Amino acid sequence: AIIALDLRRNAIGDIGAQHFADALRINNTLTSLGLQANRIQDKGALSLVDTLATNKVITTIFSLIS
């Protein structure tokens, strides 16, 4: 199982962040997440924040800001 995922500098943007947030809703193994420098704006960040507020598995998040 994947426990750490570093997606820095992949330009996933808001749409990618929203899709990733959807996937994180069913996450039960990923504990560390890096999303720096991905062109994620307010809409994508809000999707991630909403999901991460209820996800109790992820313990380490690297900044969304580059």
PDB file of N, CA and C in Angstrom:
ATOM      1  N   ALA A   1       0.836  -1.185   0.000  1.00  0.00           N
ATOM      2  CA  ALA A   1       0.000   0.000   0.000  1.00  0.00           C
ATOM      3  C   ALA A   1       0.878   1.244   0.000  1.00  0.00           C
ATOM      4  N   ILE A   2       0.429   2.262  -0.648  1.00  0.00           N
ATOM      5  CA  ILE A   2       1.155   3.533  -0.687  1.00  0.00           C
ATOM      6  C   ILE A   2       0.849   4.291   0.599  1.00  0.00           C
ATOM      7  N   ILE A   3       1.913   4.720   1.312  1.00  0.00           N
ATOM      8  CA  ILE A   3       1.700   5.494   2.530  1.00  0.00           C
ATOM      9  C   ILE A   3       2.157   6.941   2.392  1.00  0.00           C
ATOM     10  N   ALA A   4       2.998   7.234   1.383  1.00  0.00           N
ATOM     11  CA  ALA A   4       3.466   8.598   1.144  1.00  0.00           C
ATOM     12  C   ALA A   4       3.364   8.897  -0.344  1.00  0.00           C
ATOM     13  N   LEU A   5       2.885  10.096  -0.653  1.00  0.00           N
ATOM     14  CA  LEU A   5       2.723  10.488  -2.051  1.00  0.00           C
ATOM     15  C   LEU A   5       3.196  11.920  -2.211  1.00  0.00           C
ATOM     16  N   ASP A   6       4.184  12.125  -3.065  1.00  0.00           N
ATOM     17  CA  ASP A   6       4.732  13.456  -3.325  1.00  0.00           C
ATOM     18  C   ASP A   6       4.380  13.835  -4.759  1.00  0.00           C
ATOM     19  N   LEU A   7       3.462  14.764  -4.904  1.00  0.00           N
ATOM     20  CA  LEU A   7       3.023  15.209  -6.230  1.00  0.00           C
ATOM     21  C   LEU A   7       3.482  16.632  -6.531  1.00  0.00           C
ATOM     22  N   ARG A   8       4.589  17.039  -5.951  1.00  0.00           N
ATOM     23  CA  ARG A   8       5.084  18.398  -6.196  1.00  0.00           C
ATOM     24  C   ARG A   8       5.319  18.662  -7.678  1.00  0.00           C
ATOM     25  N   ARG A   9       4.993  19.897  -8.072  1.00  0.00           N
ATOM     26  CA  ARG A   9       5.273  20.411  -9.420  1.00  0.00           C
ATOM     27  C   ARG A   9       4.656  19.567 -10.534  1.00  0.00           C
ATOM     28  N   ASN A  10       3.388  19.224 -10.378  1.00  0.00           N
ATOM     29  CA  ASN A  10       2.689  18.456 -11.405  1.00  0.00           C
ATOM     30  C   ASN A  10       1.568  19.232 -12.088  1.00  0.00           C
ATOM     31  N   ALA A  11       1.379  20.492 -11.688  1.00  0.00           N
ATOM     32  CA  ALA A  11       0.378  21.366 -12.310  1.00  0.00           C
ATOM     33  C   ALA A  11      -1.009  20.721 -12.376  1.00  0.00           C
ATOM     34  N   ILE A  12      -1.445  20.115 -11.275  1.00  0.00           N
ATOM     35  CA  ILE A  12      -2.754  19.446 -11.301  1.00  0.00           C
ATOM     36  C   ILE A  12      -3.911  20.441 -11.269  1.00  0.00           C
ATOM     37  N   GLY A  13      -3.686  21.649 -10.770  1.00  0.00           N
ATOM     38  CA  GLY A  13      -4.703  22.691 -10.781  1.00  0.00           C
ATOM     39  C   GLY A  13      -5.920  22.349  -9.931  1.00  0.00           C
ATOM     40  N   ASP A  14      -6.944  23.199 -10.044  1.00  0.00           N
ATOM     41  CA  ASP A  14      -8.155  23.030  -9.241  1.00  0.00           C
ATOM     42  C   ASP A  14      -8.922  21.759  -9.577  1.00  0.00           C
ATOM     43  N   ILE A  15      -9.045  21.459 -10.855  1.00  0.00           N
ATOM     44  CA  ILE A  15      -9.803  20.261 -11.246  1.00  0.00           C
ATOM     45  C   ILE A  15      -9.106  19.003 -10.745  1.00  0.00           C
ATOM     46  N   GLY A  16      -7.807  18.937 -10.904  1.00  0.00           N
ATOM     47  CA  GLY A  16      -7.055  17.795 -10.394  1.00  0.00           C
ATOM     48  C   GLY A  16      -7.144  17.688  -8.881  1.00  0.00           C
ATOM     49  N   ALA A  17      -7.104  18.829  -8.199  1.00  0.00           N
ATOM     50  CA  ALA A  17      -7.215  18.832  -6.737  1.00  0.00           C
ATOM     51  C   ALA A  17      -8.589  18.328  -6.304  1.00  0.00           C
ATOM     52  N   GLN A  18      -9.623  18.698  -7.041  1.00  0.00           N
ATOM     53  CA  GLN A  18     -10.976  18.230  -6.711  1.00  0.00           C
ATOM     54  C   GLN A  18     -11.077  16.717  -6.898  1.00  0.00           C
ATOM     55  N   HIS A  19     -10.519  16.202  -7.962  1.00  0.00           N
ATOM     56  CA  HIS A  19     -10.528  14.752  -8.190  1.00  0.00           C
ATOM     57  C   HIS A  19      -9.703  14.029  -7.113  1.00  0.00           C
ATOM     58  N   PHE A  20      -8.577  14.608  -6.766  1.00  0.00           N
ATOM     59  CA  PHE A  20      -7.740  14.007  -5.741  1.00  0.00           C
ATOM     60  C   PHE A  20      -8.459  14.018  -4.394  1.00  0.00           C
ATOM     61  N   ALA A  21      -9.162  15.108  -4.096  1.00  0.00           N
ATOM     62  CA  ALA A  21      -9.936  15.187  -2.853  1.00  0.00           C
ATOM     63  C   ALA A  21     -10.992  14.085  -2.816  1.00  0.00           C
ATOM     64  N   ASP A  22     -11.640  13.835  -3.941  1.00  0.00           N
ATOM     65  CA  ASP A  22     -12.629  12.752  -4.009  1.00  0.00           C
ATOM     66  C   ASP A  22     -11.986  11.402  -3.685  1.00  0.00           C
ATOM     67  N   ALA A  23     -10.794  11.175  -4.226  1.00  0.00           N
ATOM     68  CA  ALA A  23     -10.091   9.915  -3.978  1.00  0.00           C
ATOM     69  C   ALA A  23      -9.678   9.791  -2.504  1.00  0.00           C
ATOM     70  N   LEU A  24      -9.315  10.904  -1.903  1.00  0.00           N
ATOM     71  CA  LEU A  24      -8.887  10.875  -0.505  1.00  0.00           C
ATOM     72  C   LEU A  24     -10.028  10.537   0.454  1.00  0.00           C
ATOM     73  N   ARG A  25     -11.258  10.721   0.005  1.00  0.00           N
ATOM     74  CA  ARG A  25     -12.408  10.413   0.869  1.00  0.00           C
ATOM     75  C   ARG A  25     -12.455   8.926   1.233  1.00  0.00           C
ATOM     76  N   ILE A  26     -11.906   8.084   0.364  1.00  0.00           N
ATOM     77  CA  ILE A  26     -11.919   6.644   0.642  1.00  0.00           C
ATOM     78  C   ILE A  26     -10.533   6.120   1.041  1.00  0.00           C
ATOM     79  N   ASN A  27      -9.589   7.045   1.234  1.00  0.00           N
ATOM     80  CA  ASN A  27      -8.225   6.683   1.609  1.00  0.00           C
ATOM     81  C   ASN A  27      -8.190   6.026   2.987  1.00  0.00           C
ATOM     82  N   ASN A  28      -7.468   4.916   3.084  1.00  0.00           N
ATOM     83  CA  ASN A  28      -7.258   4.315   4.401  1.00  0.00           C
ATOM     84  C   ASN A  28      -5.801   3.892   4.618  1.00  0.00           C
ATOM     85  N   THR A  29      -4.898   4.333   3.728  1.00  0.00           N
ATOM     86  CA  THR A  29      -3.486   3.973   3.891  1.00  0.00           C
ATOM     87  C   THR A  29      -2.530   5.167   3.749  1.00  0.00           C
ATOM     88  N   LEU A  30      -2.835   6.136   2.930  1.00  0.00           N
ATOM     89  CA  LEU A  30      -1.939   7.261   2.674  1.00  0.00           C
ATOM     90  C   LEU A  30      -1.828   8.129   3.925  1.00  0.00           C
ATOM     91  N   THR A  31      -0.600   8.313   4.425  1.00  0.00           N
ATOM     92  CA  THR A  31      -0.403   9.110   5.640  1.00  0.00           C
ATOM     93  C   THR A  31       0.331  10.417   5.388  1.00  0.00           C
ATOM     94  N   SER A  32       1.036  10.532   4.266  1.00  0.00           N
ATOM     95  CA  SER A  32       1.833  11.719   3.973  1.00  0.00           C
ATOM     96  C   SER A  32       1.545  12.184   2.552  1.00  0.00           C
ATOM     97  N   LEU A  33       1.313  13.482   2.404  1.00  0.00           N
ATOM     98  CA  LEU A  33       0.909  14.034   1.116  1.00  0.00           C
ATOM     99  C   LEU A  33       1.646  15.332   0.821  1.00  0.00           C
ATOM    100  N   GLY A  34       2.240  15.437  -0.363  1.00  0.00           N
ATOM    101  CA  GLY A  34       2.922  16.658  -0.787  1.00  0.00           C
ATOM    102  C   GLY A  34       2.305  17.194  -2.067  1.00  0.00           C
ATOM    103  N   LEU A  35       1.830  18.438  -2.025  1.00  0.00           N
ATOM    104  CA  LEU A  35       1.165  19.029  -3.199  1.00  0.00           C
ATOM    105  C   LEU A  35       1.707  20.411  -3.558  1.00  0.00           C
ATOM    106  N   GLN A  36       2.917  20.732  -3.181  1.00  0.00           N
ATOM    107  CA  GLN A  36       3.465  22.046  -3.464  1.00  0.00           C
ATOM    108  C   GLN A  36       3.560  22.317  -4.971  1.00  0.00           C
ATOM    109  N   ALA A  37       3.410  23.586  -5.333  1.00  0.00           N
ATOM    110  CA  ALA A  37       3.627  24.064  -6.705  1.00  0.00           C
ATOM    111  C   ALA A  37       2.783  23.317  -7.733  1.00  0.00           C
ATOM    112  N   ASN A  38       1.484  23.242  -7.500  1.00  0.00           N
ATOM    113  CA  ASN A  38       0.584  22.533  -8.405  1.00  0.00           C
ATOM    114  C   ASN A  38      -0.507  23.423  -9.016  1.00  0.00           C
ATOM    115  N   ARG A  39      -0.335  24.728  -8.886  1.00  0.00           N
ATOM    116  CA  ARG A  39      -1.307  25.677  -9.452  1.00  0.00           C
ATOM    117  C   ARG A  39      -2.711  25.464  -8.882  1.00  0.00           C
ATOM    118  N   ILE A  40      -2.771  25.082  -7.622  1.00  0.00           N
ATOM    119  CA  ILE A  40      -4.057  24.894  -6.955  1.00  0.00           C
ATOM    120  C   ILE A  40      -4.499  26.238  -6.381  1.00  0.00           C
ATOM    121  N   GLN A  41      -5.654  26.680  -6.803  1.00  0.00           N
ATOM    122  CA  GLN A  41      -6.206  27.951  -6.343  1.00  0.00           C
ATOM    123  C   GLN A  41      -7.256  27.693  -5.254  1.00  0.00           C
ATOM    124  N   ASP A  42      -8.061  28.704  -4.958  1.00  0.00           N
ATOM    125  CA  ASP A  42      -9.033  28.616  -3.864  1.00  0.00           C
ATOM    126  C   ASP A  42      -9.988  27.432  -3.986  1.00  0.00           C
ATOM    127  N   LYS A  43     -10.554  27.242  -5.169  1.00  0.00           N
ATOM    128  CA  LYS A  43     -11.559  26.192  -5.339  1.00  0.00           C
ATOM    129  C   LYS A  43     -10.973  24.802  -5.064  1.00  0.00           C
ATOM    130  N   GLY A  44      -9.810  24.526  -5.605  1.00  0.00           N
ATOM    131  CA  GLY A  44      -9.166  23.242  -5.384  1.00  0.00           C
ATOM    132  C   GLY A  44      -8.714  23.073  -3.946  1.00  0.00           C
ATOM    133  N   ALA A  45      -8.200  24.153  -3.364  1.00  0.00           N
ATOM    134  CA  ALA A  45      -7.752  24.093  -1.973  1.00  0.00           C
ATOM    135  C   ALA A  45      -8.932  23.826  -1.037  1.00  0.00           C
ATOM    136  N   LEU A  46     -10.066  24.453  -1.304  1.00  0.00           N
ATOM    137  CA  LEU A  46     -11.248  24.220  -0.464  1.00  0.00           C
ATOM    138  C   LEU A  46     -11.722  22.775  -0.551  1.00  0.00           C
ATOM    139  N   SER A  47     -11.654  22.184  -1.727  1.00  0.00           N
ATOM    140  CA  SER A  47     -12.027  20.774  -1.876  1.00  0.00           C
ATOM    141  C   SER A  47     -11.126  19.890  -1.027  1.00  0.00           C
ATOM    142  N   LEU A  48      -9.828  20.168  -1.064  1.00  0.00           N
ATOM    143  CA  LEU A  48      -8.879  19.386  -0.276  1.00  0.00           C
ATOM    144  C   LEU A  48      -9.089  19.594   1.224  1.00  0.00           C
ATOM    145  N   VAL A  49      -9.311  20.833   1.628  1.00  0.00           N
ATOM    146  CA  VAL A  49      -9.519  21.127   3.047  1.00  0.00           C
ATOM    147  C   VAL A  49     -10.765  20.420   3.571  1.00  0.00           C
ATOM    148  N   ASP A  50     -11.841  20.454   2.796  1.00  0.00           N
ATOM    149  CA  ASP A  50     -13.073  19.771   3.211  1.00  0.00           C
ATOM    150  C   ASP A  50     -12.832  18.283   3.425  1.00  0.00           C
ATOM    151  N   THR A  51     -12.122  17.672   2.507  1.00  0.00           N
ATOM    152  CA  THR A  51     -11.837  16.237   2.616  1.00  0.00           C
ATOM    153  C   THR A  51     -10.886  15.941   3.766  1.00  0.00           C
ATOM    154  N   LEU A  52      -9.833  16.735   3.886  1.00  0.00           N
ATOM    155  CA  LEU A  52      -8.824  16.472   4.908  1.00  0.00           C
ATOM    156  C   LEU A  52      -9.337  16.754   6.320  1.00  0.00           C
ATOM    157  N   ALA A  53     -10.385  17.537   6.425  1.00  0.00           N
ATOM    158  CA  ALA A  53     -10.968  17.800   7.740  1.00  0.00           C
ATOM    159  C   ALA A  53     -11.575  16.536   8.342  1.00  0.00           C
ATOM    160  N   THR A  54     -11.983  15.610   7.489  1.00  0.00           N
ATOM    161  CA  THR A  54     -12.594  14.377   7.984  1.00  0.00           C
ATOM    162  C   THR A  54     -11.701  13.151   7.793  1.00  0.00           C
ATOM    163  N   ASN A  55     -10.623  13.290   7.040  1.00  0.00           N
ATOM    164  CA  ASN A  55      -9.697  12.179   6.822  1.00  0.00           C
ATOM    165  C   ASN A  55      -8.763  12.075   8.018  1.00  0.00           C
ATOM    166  N   LYS A  56      -8.876  11.014   8.767  1.00  0.00           N
ATOM    167  CA  LYS A  56      -8.064  10.839   9.982  1.00  0.00           C
ATOM    168  C   LYS A  56      -6.799  10.027   9.740  1.00  0.00           C
ATOM    169  N   VAL A  57      -6.572   9.589   8.504  1.00  0.00           N
ATOM    170  CA  VAL A  57      -5.406   8.774   8.195  1.00  0.00           C
ATOM    171  C   VAL A  57      -4.190   9.634   7.841  1.00  0.00           C
ATOM    172  N   ILE A  58      -4.407  10.692   7.091  1.00  0.00           N
ATOM    173  CA  ILE A  58      -3.293  11.561   6.686  1.00  0.00           C
ATOM    174  C   ILE A  58      -2.809  12.365   7.888  1.00  0.00           C
ATOM    175  N   THR A  59      -1.533  12.221   8.205  1.00  0.00           N
ATOM    176  CA  THR A  59      -0.957  12.899   9.358  1.00  0.00           C
ATOM    177  C   THR A  59       0.039  13.988   8.967  1.00  0.00           C
ATOM    178  N   THR A  60       0.546  13.953   7.726  1.00  0.00           N
ATOM    179  CA  THR A  60       1.529  14.929   7.273  1.00  0.00           C
ATOM    180  C   THR A  60       1.093  15.481   5.916  1.00  0.00           C
ATOM    181  N   ILE A  61       1.001  16.822   5.852  1.00  0.00           N
ATOM    182  CA  ILE A  61       0.643  17.483   4.602  1.00  0.00           C
ATOM    183  C   ILE A  61       1.682  18.559   4.344  1.00  0.00           C
ATOM    184  N   PHE A  62       2.294  18.509   3.170  1.00  0.00           N
ATOM    185  CA  PHE A  62       3.241  19.534   2.788  1.00  0.00           C
ATOM    186  C   PHE A  62       2.456  20.655   2.111  1.00  0.00           C
ATOM    187  N   SER A  63       2.836  21.855   2.346  1.00  0.00           N
ATOM    188  CA  SER A  63       2.133  23.060   1.911  1.00  0.00           C
ATOM    189  C   SER A  63       1.663  23.012   0.467  1.00  0.00           C
ATOM    190  N   LEU A  64       0.490  23.637   0.227  1.00  0.00           N
ATOM    191  CA  LEU A  64      -0.009  23.814  -1.141  1.00  0.00           C
ATOM    192  C   LEU A  64       0.686  24.979  -1.811  1.00  0.00           C
ATOM    193  N   ILE A  65       1.386  25.779  -1.062  1.00  0.00           N
ATOM    194  CA  ILE A  65       2.047  26.983  -1.585  1.00  0.00           C
ATOM    195  C   ILE A  65       3.498  26.667  -1.885  1.00  0.00           C
ATOM    196  N   SER A  66       3.946  27.090  -3.063  1.00  0.00           N
ATOM    197  CA  SER A  66       5.344  26.822  -3.424  1.00  0.00           C
ATOM    198  C   SER A  66       6.282  27.754  -2.739  1.00  0.00           C
TER     199      SER A  66
END
